PDB file of all heavy atoms in Angstrom:
ATOM      1  N   TYR A   1      -9.386  -0.011 -37.885  1.00  0.00           N
ATOM      2  CA  TYR A   1     -10.415  -0.692 -37.100  1.00  0.00           C
ATOM      3  C   TYR A   1     -10.432  -0.223 -35.653  1.00  0.00           C
ATOM      4  O   TYR A   1      -9.477   0.372 -35.160  1.00  0.00           O
ATOM      5  CB  TYR A   1     -10.184  -2.206 -37.150  1.00  0.00           C
ATOM      6  CG  TYR A   1     -10.291  -2.779 -38.542  1.00  0.00           C
ATOM      7  CD1 TYR A   1      -9.155  -2.941 -39.342  1.00  0.00           C
ATOM      8  CD2 TYR A   1     -11.526  -3.130 -39.077  1.00  0.00           C
ATOM      9  CE1 TYR A   1      -9.245  -3.444 -40.631  1.00  0.00           C
ATOM     10  CE2 TYR A   1     -11.630  -3.638 -40.367  1.00  0.00           C
ATOM     11  CZ  TYR A   1     -10.486  -3.788 -41.138  1.00  0.00           C
ATOM     12  OH  TYR A   1     -10.593  -4.278 -42.409  1.00  0.00           O
ATOM     13  N   ASP A   2     -11.541  -0.509 -34.972  1.00  0.00           N
ATOM     14  CA  ASP A   2     -11.602  -0.279 -33.533  1.00  0.00           C
ATOM     15  C   ASP A   2     -10.599  -1.202 -32.848  1.00  0.00           C
ATOM     16  O   ASP A   2      -9.980  -2.062 -33.492  1.00  0.00           O
ATOM     17  CB  ASP A   2     -13.020  -0.544 -33.013  1.00  0.00           C
ATOM     18  CG  ASP A   2     -13.997   0.530 -33.472  1.00  0.00           C
ATOM     19  OD1 ASP A   2     -13.531   1.655 -33.765  1.00  0.00           O
ATOM     20  OD2 ASP A   2     -15.208   0.240 -33.552  1.00  0.00           O
ATOM     21  N   ASP A   3     -10.472  -1.047 -31.537  1.00  0.00           N
ATOM     22  CA  ASP A   3      -9.437  -1.785 -30.821  1.00  0.00           C
ATOM     23  C   ASP A   3      -9.572  -3.294 -31.025  1.00  0.00           C
ATOM     24  O   ASP A   3     -10.645  -3.875 -30.824  1.00  0.00           O
ATOM     25  CB  ASP A   3      -9.482  -1.458 -29.325  1.00  0.00           C
ATOM     26  CG  ASP A   3      -8.190  -1.820 -28.645  1.00  0.00           C
ATOM     27  OD1 ASP A   3      -7.925  -3.027 -28.481  1.00  0.00           O
ATOM     28  OD2 ASP A   3      -7.421  -0.909 -28.302  1.00  0.00           O
ATOM     29  N   LEU A   4      -8.488  -3.915 -31.446  1.00  0.00           N
ATOM     30  CA  LEU A   4      -8.497  -5.344 -31.780  1.00  0.00           C
ATOM     31  C   LEU A   4      -8.501  -6.245 -30.553  1.00  0.00           C
ATOM     32  O   LEU A   4      -8.748  -7.445 -30.669  1.00  0.00           O
ATOM     33  CB  LEU A   4      -7.262  -5.683 -32.626  1.00  0.00           C
ATOM     34  CG  LEU A   4      -7.053  -4.868 -33.906  1.00  0.00           C
ATOM     35  CD1 LEU A   4      -5.766  -5.301 -34.603  1.00  0.00           C
ATOM     36  CD2 LEU A   4      -8.244  -5.037 -34.843  1.00  0.00           C
ATOM     37  N   PHE A   5      -8.217  -5.682 -29.358  1.00  0.00           N
ATOM     38  CA  PHE A   5      -8.017  -6.529 -28.174  1.00  0.00           C
ATOM     39  C   PHE A   5      -9.147  -6.405 -27.152  1.00  0.00           C
ATOM     40  O   PHE A   5      -9.099  -7.037 -26.104  1.00  0.00           O
ATOM     41  CB  PHE A   5      -6.675  -6.178 -27.515  1.00  0.00           C
ATOM     42  CG  PHE A   5      -5.512  -6.348 -28.448  1.00  0.00           C
ATOM     43  CD1 PHE A   5      -4.956  -5.262 -29.102  1.00  0.00           C
ATOM     44  CD2 PHE A   5      -4.975  -7.606 -28.693  1.00  0.00           C
ATOM     45  CE1 PHE A   5      -3.890  -5.418 -29.982  1.00  0.00           C
ATOM     46  CE2 PHE A   5      -3.919  -7.769 -29.570  1.00  0.00           C
ATOM     47  CZ  PHE A   5      -3.371  -6.674 -30.215  1.00  0.00           C
ATOM     48  N   THR A   6     -10.139  -5.583 -27.462  1.00  0.00           N
ATOM     49  CA  THR A   6     -11.265  -5.438 -26.544  1.00  0.00           C
ATOM     50  C   THR A   6     -11.956  -6.787 -26.346  1.00  0.00           C
ATOM     51  O   THR A   6     -12.290  -7.472 -27.323  1.00  0.00           O
ATOM     52  CB  THR A   6     -12.277  -4.413 -27.092  1.00  0.00           C
ATOM     53  OG1 THR A   6     -11.620  -3.153 -27.240  1.00  0.00           O
ATOM     54  CG2 THR A   6     -13.463  -4.262 -26.154  1.00  0.00           C
ATOM     55  N   GLY A   7     -12.167  -7.158 -25.092  1.00  0.00           N
ATOM     56  CA  GLY A   7     -12.828  -8.418 -24.778  1.00  0.00           C
ATOM     57  C   GLY A   7     -11.896  -9.607 -24.647  1.00  0.00           C
ATOM     58  O   GLY A   7     -12.340 -10.705 -24.289  1.00  0.00           O
ATOM     59  N   SER A   8     -10.610  -9.404 -24.897  1.00  0.00           N
ATOM     60  CA  SER A   8      -9.658 -10.515 -24.760  1.00  0.00           C
ATOM     61  C   SER A   8      -9.399 -10.794 -23.281  1.00  0.00           C
ATOM     62  O   SER A   8      -8.946  -9.922 -22.543  1.00  0.00           O
ATOM     63  CB  SER A   8      -8.332 -10.169 -25.451  1.00  0.00           C
ATOM     64  OG  SER A   8      -7.313 -11.059 -25.057  1.00  0.00           O
ATOM     65  N   THR A   9      -9.696 -12.021 -22.839  1.00  0.00           N
ATOM     66  CA  THR A   9      -9.472 -12.362 -21.431  1.00  0.00           C
ATOM     67  C   THR A   9      -7.981 -12.382 -21.101  1.00  0.00           C
ATOM     68  O   THR A   9      -7.583 -12.039 -19.976  1.00  0.00           O
ATOM     69  CB  THR A   9     -10.092 -13.733 -21.111  1.00  0.00           C
ATOM     70  OG1 THR A   9      -9.572 -14.718 -22.028  1.00  0.00           O
ATOM     71  CG2 THR A   9     -11.614 -13.680 -21.259  1.00  0.00           C
ATOM     72  N   VAL A  10      -7.158 -12.769 -22.063  1.00  0.00           N
ATOM     73  CA  VAL A  10      -5.707 -12.778 -21.833  1.00  0.00           C
ATOM     74  C   VAL A  10      -5.204 -11.357 -21.593  1.00  0.00           C
ATOM     75  O   VAL A  10      -4.464 -11.085 -20.641  1.00  0.00           O
ATOM     76  CB  VAL A  10      -4.976 -13.415 -23.033  1.00  0.00           C
ATOM     77  CG1 VAL A  10      -3.467 -13.244 -22.899  1.00  0.00           C
ATOM     78  CG2 VAL A  10      -5.329 -14.887 -23.160  1.00  0.00           C
ATOM     79  N   VAL A  11      -5.620 -10.435 -22.453  1.00  0.00           N
ATOM     80  CA  VAL A  11      -5.176  -9.045 -22.330  1.00  0.00           C
ATOM     81  C   VAL A  11      -5.726  -8.420 -21.055  1.00  0.00           C
ATOM     82  O   VAL A  11      -5.002  -7.736 -20.316  1.00  0.00           O
ATOM     83  CB  VAL A  11      -5.607  -8.233 -23.572  1.00  0.00           C
ATOM     84  CG1 VAL A  11      -5.386  -6.741 -23.356  1.00  0.00           C
ATOM     85  CG2 VAL A  11      -4.842  -8.717 -24.798  1.00  0.00           C
ATOM     86  N   GLU A  12      -6.999  -8.642 -20.770  1.00  0.00           N
ATOM     87  CA  GLU A  12      -7.595  -8.061 -19.560  1.00  0.00           C
ATOM     88  C   GLU A  12      -6.882  -8.537 -18.304  1.00  0.00           C
ATOM     89  O   GLU A  12      -6.637  -7.751 -17.377  1.00  0.00           O
ATOM     90  CB  GLU A  12      -9.079  -8.412 -19.493  1.00  0.00           C
ATOM     91  CG  GLU A  12      -9.925  -7.665 -20.524  1.00  0.00           C
ATOM     92  CD  GLU A  12     -11.380  -8.111 -20.518  1.00  0.00           C
ATOM     93  OE1 GLU A  12     -11.718  -9.033 -19.727  1.00  0.00           O
ATOM     94  OE2 GLU A  12     -12.168  -7.547 -21.296  1.00  0.00           O
ATOM     95  N   ALA A  13      -6.517  -9.809 -18.252  1.00  0.00           N
ATOM     96  CA  ALA A  13      -5.829 -10.348 -17.072  1.00  0.00           C
ATOM     97  C   ALA A  13      -4.436  -9.745 -16.926  1.00  0.00           C
ATOM     98  O   ALA A  13      -4.003  -9.403 -15.810  1.00  0.00           O
ATOM     99  CB  ALA A  13      -5.747 -11.870 -17.172  1.00  0.00           C
ATOM    100  N   LYS A  14      -3.724  -9.611 -18.050  1.00  0.00           N
ATOM    101  CA  LYS A  14      -2.371  -9.058 -17.979  1.00  0.00           C
ATOM    102  C   LYS A  14      -2.412  -7.588 -17.588  1.00  0.00           C
ATOM    103  O   LYS A  14      -1.599  -7.125 -16.781  1.00  0.00           O
ATOM    104  CB  LYS A  14      -1.672  -9.227 -19.335  1.00  0.00           C
ATOM    105  CG  LYS A  14      -0.201  -8.802 -19.327  1.00  0.00           C
ATOM    106  CD  LYS A  14       0.621  -9.649 -18.361  1.00  0.00           C
ATOM    107  CE  LYS A  14       2.075  -9.250 -18.344  1.00  0.00           C
ATOM    108  NZ  LYS A  14       2.871 -10.035 -17.364  1.00  0.00           N
ATOM    109  N   VAL A  15      -3.374  -6.831 -18.128  1.00  0.00           N
ATOM    110  CA  VAL A  15      -3.500  -5.421 -17.766  1.00  0.00           C
ATOM    111  C   VAL A  15      -3.803  -5.280 -16.283  1.00  0.00           C
ATOM    112  O   VAL A  15      -3.209  -4.446 -15.585  1.00  0.00           O
ATOM    113  CB  VAL A  15      -4.581  -4.733 -18.619  1.00  0.00           C
ATOM    114  CG1 VAL A  15      -4.878  -3.330 -18.083  1.00  0.00           C
ATOM    115  CG2 VAL A  15      -4.155  -4.659 -20.075  1.00  0.00           C
ATOM    116  N   ALA A  16      -4.708  -6.095 -15.778  1.00  0.00           N
ATOM    117  CA  ALA A  16      -5.063  -6.038 -14.355  1.00  0.00           C
ATOM    118  C   ALA A  16      -3.852  -6.341 -13.479  1.00  0.00           C
ATOM    119  O   ALA A  16      -3.639  -5.699 -12.439  1.00  0.00           O
ATOM    120  CB  ALA A  16      -6.197  -7.029 -14.060  1.00  0.00           C
ATOM    121  N   GLU A  17      -3.044  -7.301 -13.895  1.00  0.00           N
ATOM    122  CA  GLU A  17      -1.836  -7.653 -13.141  1.00  0.00           C
ATOM    123  C   GLU A  17      -0.858  -6.470 -13.091  1.00  0.00           C
ATOM    124  O   GLU A  17      -0.303  -6.140 -12.034  1.00  0.00           O
ATOM    125  CB  GLU A  17      -1.159  -8.857 -13.802  1.00  0.00           C
ATOM    126  CG  GLU A  17       0.176  -9.256 -13.190  1.00  0.00           C
ATOM    127  CD  GLU A  17       0.914 -10.261 -14.062  1.00  0.00           C
ATOM    128  OE1 GLU A  17       0.248 -11.103 -14.697  1.00  0.00           O
ATOM    129  OE2 GLU A  17       2.160 -10.187 -14.130  1.00  0.00           O
ATOM    130  N   LEU A  18      -0.667  -5.800 -14.240  1.00  0.00           N
ATOM    131  CA  LEU A  18       0.256  -4.664 -14.295  1.00  0.00           C
ATOM    132  C   LEU A  18      -0.276  -3.479 -13.490  1.00  0.00           C
ATOM    133  O   LEU A  18       0.488  -2.799 -12.795  1.00  0.00           O
ATOM    134  CB  LEU A  18       0.486  -4.253 -15.748  1.00  0.00           C
ATOM    135  CG  LEU A  18       1.255  -5.246 -16.619  1.00  0.00           C
ATOM    136  CD1 LEU A  18       1.232  -4.804 -18.079  1.00  0.00           C
ATOM    137  CD2 LEU A  18       2.692  -5.397 -16.132  1.00  0.00           C
ATOM    138  N   VAL A  19      -1.577  -3.232 -13.572  1.00  0.00           N
ATOM    139  CA  VAL A  19      -2.177  -2.124 -12.825  1.00  0.00           C
ATOM    140  C   VAL A  19      -2.013  -2.357 -11.323  1.00  0.00           C
ATOM    141  O   VAL A  19      -1.625  -1.442 -10.573  1.00  0.00           O
ATOM    142  CB  VAL A  19      -3.664  -1.954 -13.195  1.00  0.00           C
ATOM    143  CG1 VAL A  19      -4.377  -1.046 -12.190  1.00  0.00           C
ATOM    144  CG2 VAL A  19      -3.800  -1.397 -14.600  1.00  0.00           C
ATOM    145  N   ALA A  20      -2.283  -3.566 -10.875  1.00  0.00           N
ATOM    146  CA  ALA A  20      -2.174  -3.867  -9.440  1.00  0.00           C
ATOM    147  C   ALA A  20      -0.734  -3.708  -8.962  1.00  0.00           C
ATOM    148  O   ALA A  20      -0.476  -3.126  -7.898  1.00  0.00           O
ATOM    149  CB  ALA A  20      -2.680  -5.284  -9.167  1.00  0.00           C
ATOM    150  N   GLY A  21       0.211  -4.216  -9.732  1.00  0.00           N
ATOM    151  CA  GLY A  21       1.611  -4.096  -9.349  1.00  0.00           C
ATOM    152  C   GLY A  21       2.076  -2.656  -9.326  1.00  0.00           C
ATOM    153  O   GLY A  21       2.809  -2.232  -8.414  1.00  0.00           O
ATOM    154  N   ALA A  22       1.652  -1.871 -10.319  1.00  0.00           N
ATOM    155  CA  ALA A  22       2.051  -0.466 -10.380  1.00  0.00           C
ATOM    156  C   ALA A  22       1.449   0.331  -9.232  1.00  0.00           C
ATOM    157  O   ALA A  22       2.120   1.182  -8.630  1.00  0.00           O
ATOM    158  CB  ALA A  22       1.633   0.136 -11.723  1.00  0.00           C
ATOM    159  N   LYS A  23       0.185   0.061  -8.897  1.00  0.00           N
ATOM    160  CA  LYS A  23      -0.453   0.772  -7.786  1.00  0.00           C
ATOM    161  C   LYS A  23       0.279   0.501  -6.473  1.00  0.00           C
ATOM    162  O   LYS A  23       0.485   1.415  -5.658  1.00  0.00           O
ATOM    163  CB  LYS A  23      -1.922   0.360  -7.660  1.00  0.00           C
ATOM    164  CG  LYS A  23      -2.840   1.020  -8.678  1.00  0.00           C
ATOM    165  CD  LYS A  23      -4.291   0.630  -8.417  1.00  0.00           C
ATOM    166  CE  LYS A  23      -5.236   1.402  -9.323  1.00  0.00           C
ATOM    167  NZ  LYS A  23      -6.658   1.036  -9.086  1.00  0.00           N
ATOM    168  N   ALA A  24       0.679  -0.734  -6.262  1.00  0.00           N
ATOM    169  CA  ALA A  24       1.394  -1.078  -5.027  1.00  0.00           C
ATOM    170  C   ALA A  24       2.727  -0.334  -4.954  1.00  0.00           C
ATOM    171  O   ALA A  24       3.115   0.169  -3.888  1.00  0.00           O
ATOM    172  CB  ALA A  24       1.619  -2.591  -4.965  1.00  0.00           C
ATOM    173  N   GLU A  25       3.433  -0.231  -6.089  1.00  0.00           N
ATOM    174  CA  GLU A  25       4.723   0.468  -6.097  1.00  0.00           C
ATOM    175  C   GLU A  25       4.527   1.980  -5.959  1.00  0.00           C
ATOM    176  O   GLU A  25       5.307   2.651  -5.277  1.00  0.00           O
ATOM    177  CB  GLU A  25       5.490   0.143  -7.383  1.00  0.00           C
ATOM    178  CG  GLU A  25       6.887   0.715  -7.457  1.00  0.00           C
ATOM    179  CD  GLU A  25       7.860   0.145  -6.440  1.00  0.00           C
ATOM    180  OE1 GLU A  25       7.499  -0.815  -5.724  1.00  0.00           O
ATOM    181  OE2 GLU A  25       8.988   0.667  -6.357  1.00  0.00           O
ATOM    182  N   ILE A  26       3.482   2.524  -6.576  1.00  0.00           N
ATOM    183  CA  ILE A  26       3.179   3.953  -6.411  1.00  0.00           C
ATOM    184  C   ILE A  26       2.898   4.259  -4.945  1.00  0.00           C
ATOM    185  O   ILE A  26       3.385   5.262  -4.398  1.00  0.00           O
ATOM    186  CB  ILE A  26       1.979   4.357  -7.293  1.00  0.00           C
ATOM    187  CG1 ILE A  26       2.357   4.291  -8.780  1.00  0.00           C
ATOM    188  CG2 ILE A  26       1.488   5.763  -6.935  1.00  0.00           C
ATOM    189  CD1 ILE A  26       1.169   4.405  -9.718  1.00  0.00           C
ATOM    190  N   ASP A  27       2.117   3.410  -4.301  1.00  0.00           N
ATOM    191  CA  ASP A  27       1.808   3.607  -2.874  1.00  0.00           C
ATOM    192  C   ASP A  27       3.083   3.577  -2.037  1.00  0.00           C
ATOM    193  O   ASP A  27       3.242   4.360  -1.083  1.00  0.00           O
ATOM    194  CB  ASP A  27       0.830   2.539  -2.387  1.00  0.00           C
ATOM    195  CG  ASP A  27      -0.571   2.705  -2.961  1.00  0.00           C
ATOM    196  OD1 ASP A  27      -0.859   3.798  -3.489  1.00  0.00           O
ATOM    197  OD2 ASP A  27      -1.363   1.742  -2.896  1.00  0.00           O
ATOM    198  N   ARG A  28       4.006   2.676  -2.377  1.00  0.00           N
ATOM    199  CA  ARG A  28       5.269   2.578  -1.635  1.00  0.00           C
ATOM    200  C   ARG A  28       6.058   3.880  -1.755  1.00  0.00           C
ATOM    201  O   ARG A  28       6.614   4.386  -0.777  1.00  0.00           O
ATOM    202  CB  ARG A  28       6.079   1.397  -2.168  1.00  0.00           C
ATOM    203  CG  ARG A  28       7.320   1.053  -1.360  1.00  0.00           C
ATOM    204  CD  ARG A  28       7.987  -0.222  -1.871  1.00  0.00           C
ATOM    205  NE  ARG A  28       7.123  -1.382  -1.731  1.00  0.00           N
ATOM    206  CZ  ARG A  28       6.593  -2.072  -2.742  1.00  0.00           C
ATOM    207  NH1 ARG A  28       6.867  -1.726  -3.991  1.00  0.00           N
ATOM    208  NH2 ARG A  28       5.811  -3.105  -2.526  1.00  0.00           N
ATOM    209  N   ILE A  29       6.088   4.453  -2.973  1.00  0.00           N
ATOM    210  CA  ILE A  29       6.820   5.697  -3.197  1.00  0.00           C
ATOM    211  C   ILE A  29       6.132   6.865  -2.494  1.00  0.00           C
ATOM    212  O   ILE A  29       6.794   7.736  -1.907  1.00  0.00           O
ATOM    213  CB  ILE A  29       6.959   5.957  -4.713  1.00  0.00           C
ATOM    214  CG1 ILE A  29       7.911   4.917  -5.329  1.00  0.00           C
ATOM    215  CG2 ILE A  29       7.452   7.368  -5.003  1.00  0.00           C
ATOM    216  CD1 ILE A  29       7.908   4.886  -6.838  1.00  0.00           C
ATOM    217  N   GLN A  30       4.803   6.883  -2.522  1.00  0.00           N
ATOM    218  CA  GLN A  30       4.081   7.961  -1.836  1.00  0.00           C
ATOM    219  C   GLN A  30       4.303   7.910  -0.326  1.00  0.00           C
ATOM    220  O   GLN A  30       4.365   8.953   0.341  1.00  0.00           O
ATOM    221  CB  GLN A  30       2.589   7.882  -2.167  1.00  0.00           C
ATOM    222  CG  GLN A  30       2.260   8.211  -3.620  1.00  0.00           C
ATOM    223  CD  GLN A  30       2.828   9.540  -4.080  1.00  0.00           C
ATOM    224  OE1 GLN A  30       2.557  10.583  -3.479  1.00  0.00           O
ATOM    225  NE2 GLN A  30       3.641   9.516  -5.129  1.00  0.00           N
ATOM    226  N   GLU A  31       4.444   6.717   0.220  1.00  0.00           N
ATOM    227  CA  GLU A  31       4.724   6.588   1.657  1.00  0.00           C
ATOM    228  C   GLU A  31       6.093   7.168   2.015  1.00  0.00           C
ATOM    229  O   GLU A  31       6.327   7.591   3.151  1.00  0.00           O
ATOM    230  CB  GLU A  31       4.660   5.114   2.074  1.00  0.00           C
ATOM    231  CG  GLU A  31       3.244   4.548   2.111  1.00  0.00           C
ATOM    232  CD  GLU A  31       3.223   3.039   2.295  1.00  0.00           C
ATOM    233  OE1 GLU A  31       4.308   2.455   2.509  1.00  0.00           O
ATOM    234  OE2 GLU A  31       2.125   2.456   2.219  1.00  0.00           O
ATOM    235  N   MET A  32       7.010   7.202   1.044  1.00  0.00           N
ATOM    236  CA  MET A  32       8.332   7.803   1.264  1.00  0.00           C
ATOM    237  C   MET A  32       8.280   9.324   1.157  1.00  0.00           C
ATOM    238  O   MET A  32       9.266   9.997   1.425  1.00  0.00           O
ATOM    239  CB  MET A  32       9.327   7.281   0.218  1.00  0.00           C
ATOM    240  CG  MET A  32       9.588   5.799   0.277  1.00  0.00           C
ATOM    241  SD  MET A  32      10.694   5.308  -1.087  1.00  0.00           S
ATOM    242  CE  MET A  32      10.647   3.513  -0.887  1.00  0.00           C
ATOM    243  N   GLY A  33       7.133   9.858   0.688  1.00  0.00           N
ATOM    244  CA  GLY A  33       7.010  11.293   0.499  1.00  0.00           C
ATOM    245  C   GLY A  33       6.923  11.695  -0.952  1.00  0.00           C
ATOM    246  O   GLY A  33       6.835  12.875  -1.278  1.00  0.00           O
ATOM    247  N   GLY A  34       6.969  10.714  -1.853  1.00  0.00           N
ATOM    248  CA  GLY A  34       6.853  10.997  -3.278  1.00  0.00           C
ATOM    249  C   GLY A  34       8.132  10.737  -4.039  1.00  0.00           C
ATOM    250  O   GLY A  34       9.120  10.230  -3.494  1.00  0.00           O
ATOM    251  N   ALA A  35       8.123  11.109  -5.319  1.00  0.00           N
ATOM    252  CA  ALA A  35       9.233  10.772  -6.212  1.00  0.00           C
ATOM    253  C   ALA A  35      10.542  11.440  -5.805  1.00  0.00           C
ATOM    254  O   ALA A  35      11.613  10.833  -5.887  1.00  0.00           O
ATOM    255  CB  ALA A  35       8.864  11.155  -7.649  1.00  0.00           C
ATOM    256  N   VAL A  36      10.484  12.705  -5.382  1.00  0.00           N
ATOM    257  CA  VAL A  36      11.727  13.411  -5.042  1.00  0.00           C
ATOM    258  C   VAL A  36      12.434  12.749  -3.863  1.00  0.00           C
ATOM    259  O   VAL A  36      13.636  12.441  -3.950  1.00  0.00           O
ATOM    260  CB  VAL A  36      11.453  14.906  -4.797  1.00  0.00           C
ATOM    261  CG1 VAL A  36      12.698  15.586  -4.217  1.00  0.00           C
ATOM    262  CG2 VAL A  36      11.051  15.589  -6.100  1.00  0.00           C
ATOM    263  N   PRO A  37      11.767  12.488  -2.726  1.00  0.00           N
ATOM    264  CA  PRO A  37      12.447  11.772  -1.646  1.00  0.00           C
ATOM    265  C   PRO A  37      12.920  10.376  -2.054  1.00  0.00           C
ATOM    266  O   PRO A  37      13.970   9.909  -1.580  1.00  0.00           O
ATOM    267  CB  PRO A  37      11.382  11.694  -0.545  1.00  0.00           C
ATOM    268  CG  PRO A  37      10.486  12.855  -0.804  1.00  0.00           C
ATOM    269  CD  PRO A  37      10.426  12.968  -2.295  1.00  0.00           C
ATOM    270  N   ALA A  38      12.154   9.714  -2.937  1.00  0.00           N
ATOM    271  CA  ALA A  38      12.563   8.372  -3.386  1.00  0.00           C
ATOM    272  C   ALA A  38      13.809   8.428  -4.258  1.00  0.00           C
ATOM    273  O   ALA A  38      14.560   7.453  -4.343  1.00  0.00           O
ATOM    274  CB  ALA A  38      11.416   7.692  -4.139  1.00  0.00           C
ATOM    275  N   VAL A  39      14.046   9.578  -4.915  1.00  0.00           N
ATOM    276  CA  VAL A  39      15.302   9.794  -5.644  1.00  0.00           C
ATOM    277  C   VAL A  39      16.427  10.102  -4.680  1.00  0.00           C
ATOM    278  O   VAL A  39      17.514   9.514  -4.726  1.00  0.00           O
ATOM    279  CB  VAL A  39      15.148  10.945  -6.668  1.00  0.00           C
ATOM    280  CG1 VAL A  39      16.520  11.416  -7.160  1.00  0.00           C
ATOM    281  CG2 VAL A  39      14.311  10.491  -7.843  1.00  0.00           C
ATOM    282  N   GLU A  40      16.178  11.029  -3.782  1.00  0.00           N
ATOM    283  CA  GLU A  40      17.227  11.493  -2.865  1.00  0.00           C
ATOM    284  C   GLU A  40      17.725  10.380  -1.953  1.00  0.00           C
ATOM    285  O   GLU A  40      18.910  10.330  -1.598  1.00  0.00           O
ATOM    286  CB  GLU A  40      16.704  12.669  -2.038  1.00  0.00           C
ATOM    287  CG  GLU A  40      16.449  13.915  -2.871  1.00  0.00           C
ATOM    288  CD  GLU A  40      15.758  15.029  -2.097  1.00  0.00           C
ATOM    289  OE1 GLU A  40      14.967  14.716  -1.179  1.00  0.00           O
ATOM    290  OE2 GLU A  40      15.992  16.205  -2.414  1.00  0.00           O
ATOM    291  N   SER A  41      16.832   9.461  -1.592  1.00  0.00           N
ATOM    292  CA  SER A  41      17.228   8.346  -0.725  1.00  0.00           C
ATOM    293  C   SER A  41      17.976   7.258  -1.477  1.00  0.00           C
ATOM    294  O   SER A  41      18.609   6.388  -0.874  1.00  0.00           O
ATOM    295  CB  SER A  41      15.986   7.729  -0.073  1.00  0.00           C
ATOM    296  OG  SER A  41      15.189   7.053  -1.041  1.00  0.00           O
ATOM    297  N   GLY A  42      17.886   7.287  -2.804  1.00  0.00           N
ATOM    298  CA  GLY A  42      18.517   6.250  -3.618  1.00  0.00           C
ATOM    299  C   GLY A  42      17.643   5.033  -3.838  1.00  0.00           C
ATOM    300  O   GLY A  42      18.064   4.082  -4.507  1.00  0.00           O
ATOM    301  N   TYR A  43      16.403   5.049  -3.321  1.00  0.00           N
ATOM    302  CA  TYR A  43      15.538   3.863  -3.422  1.00  0.00           C
ATOM    303  C   TYR A  43      15.279   3.468  -4.872  1.00  0.00           C
ATOM    304  O   TYR A  43      15.501   2.320  -5.270  1.00  0.00           O
ATOM    305  CB  TYR A  43      14.202   4.103  -2.706  1.00  0.00           C
ATOM    306  CG  TYR A  43      13.163   3.059  -3.066  1.00  0.00           C
ATOM    307  CD1 TYR A  43      13.243   1.766  -2.537  1.00  0.00           C
ATOM    308  CD2 TYR A  43      12.137   3.343  -3.974  1.00  0.00           C
ATOM    309  CE1 TYR A  43      12.320   0.792  -2.903  1.00  0.00           C
ATOM    310  CE2 TYR A  43      11.212   2.381  -4.337  1.00  0.00           C
ATOM    311  CZ  TYR A  43      11.309   1.100  -3.798  1.00  0.00           C
ATOM    312  OH  TYR A  43      10.397   0.146  -4.171  1.00  0.00           O
ATOM    313  N   MET A  44      14.823   4.421  -5.682  1.00  0.00           N
ATOM    314  CA  MET A  44      14.436   4.077  -7.052  1.00  0.00           C
ATOM    315  C   MET A  44      15.654   3.685  -7.881  1.00  0.00           C
ATOM    316  O   MET A  44      15.597   2.754  -8.689  1.00  0.00           O
ATOM    317  CB  MET A  44      13.669   5.231  -7.702  1.00  0.00           C
ATOM    318  CG  MET A  44      12.264   5.406  -7.154  1.00  0.00           C
ATOM    319  SD  MET A  44      11.141   6.321  -8.263  1.00  0.00           S
ATOM    320  CE  MET A  44      11.719   7.994  -8.056  1.00  0.00           C
ATOM    321  N   LYS A  45      16.771   4.388  -7.691  1.00  0.00           N
ATOM    322  CA  LYS A  45      17.972   4.063  -8.454  1.00  0.00           C
ATOM    323  C   LYS A  45      18.466   2.665  -8.118  1.00  0.00           C
ATOM    324  O   LYS A  45      18.809   1.873  -9.009  1.00  0.00           O
ATOM    325  CB  LYS A  45      19.066   5.094  -8.172  1.00  0.00           C
ATOM    326  CG  LYS A  45      20.365   4.844  -8.935  1.00  0.00           C
ATOM    327  CD  LYS A  45      20.178   4.975 -10.437  1.00  0.00           C
ATOM    328  CE  LYS A  45      21.479   4.874 -11.183  1.00  0.00           C
ATOM    329  NZ  LYS A  45      21.314   4.954 -12.646  1.00  0.00           N
ATOM    330  N   SER A  46      18.512   2.322  -6.837  1.00  0.00           N
ATOM    331  CA  SER A  46      18.965   0.984  -6.441  1.00  0.00           C
ATOM    332  C   SER A  46      18.058  -0.099  -7.005  1.00  0.00           C
ATOM    333  O   SER A  46      18.521  -1.159  -7.434  1.00  0.00           O
ATOM    334  CB  SER A  46      19.012   0.874  -4.909  1.00  0.00           C
ATOM    335  OG  SER A  46      20.021   1.703  -4.375  1.00  0.00           O
TER     336      SER A  46
END
């Protein structure tokens, strides 16, 4: 079948929450200079 969850308000809300949280964390890492500096500084590991 086609996607079983299309149109689900519960799923749409949870996806939006995860996308927003991930974007904020990606921006934080990019401000450090990207993934490599975030590794070298120990930020992501900690």
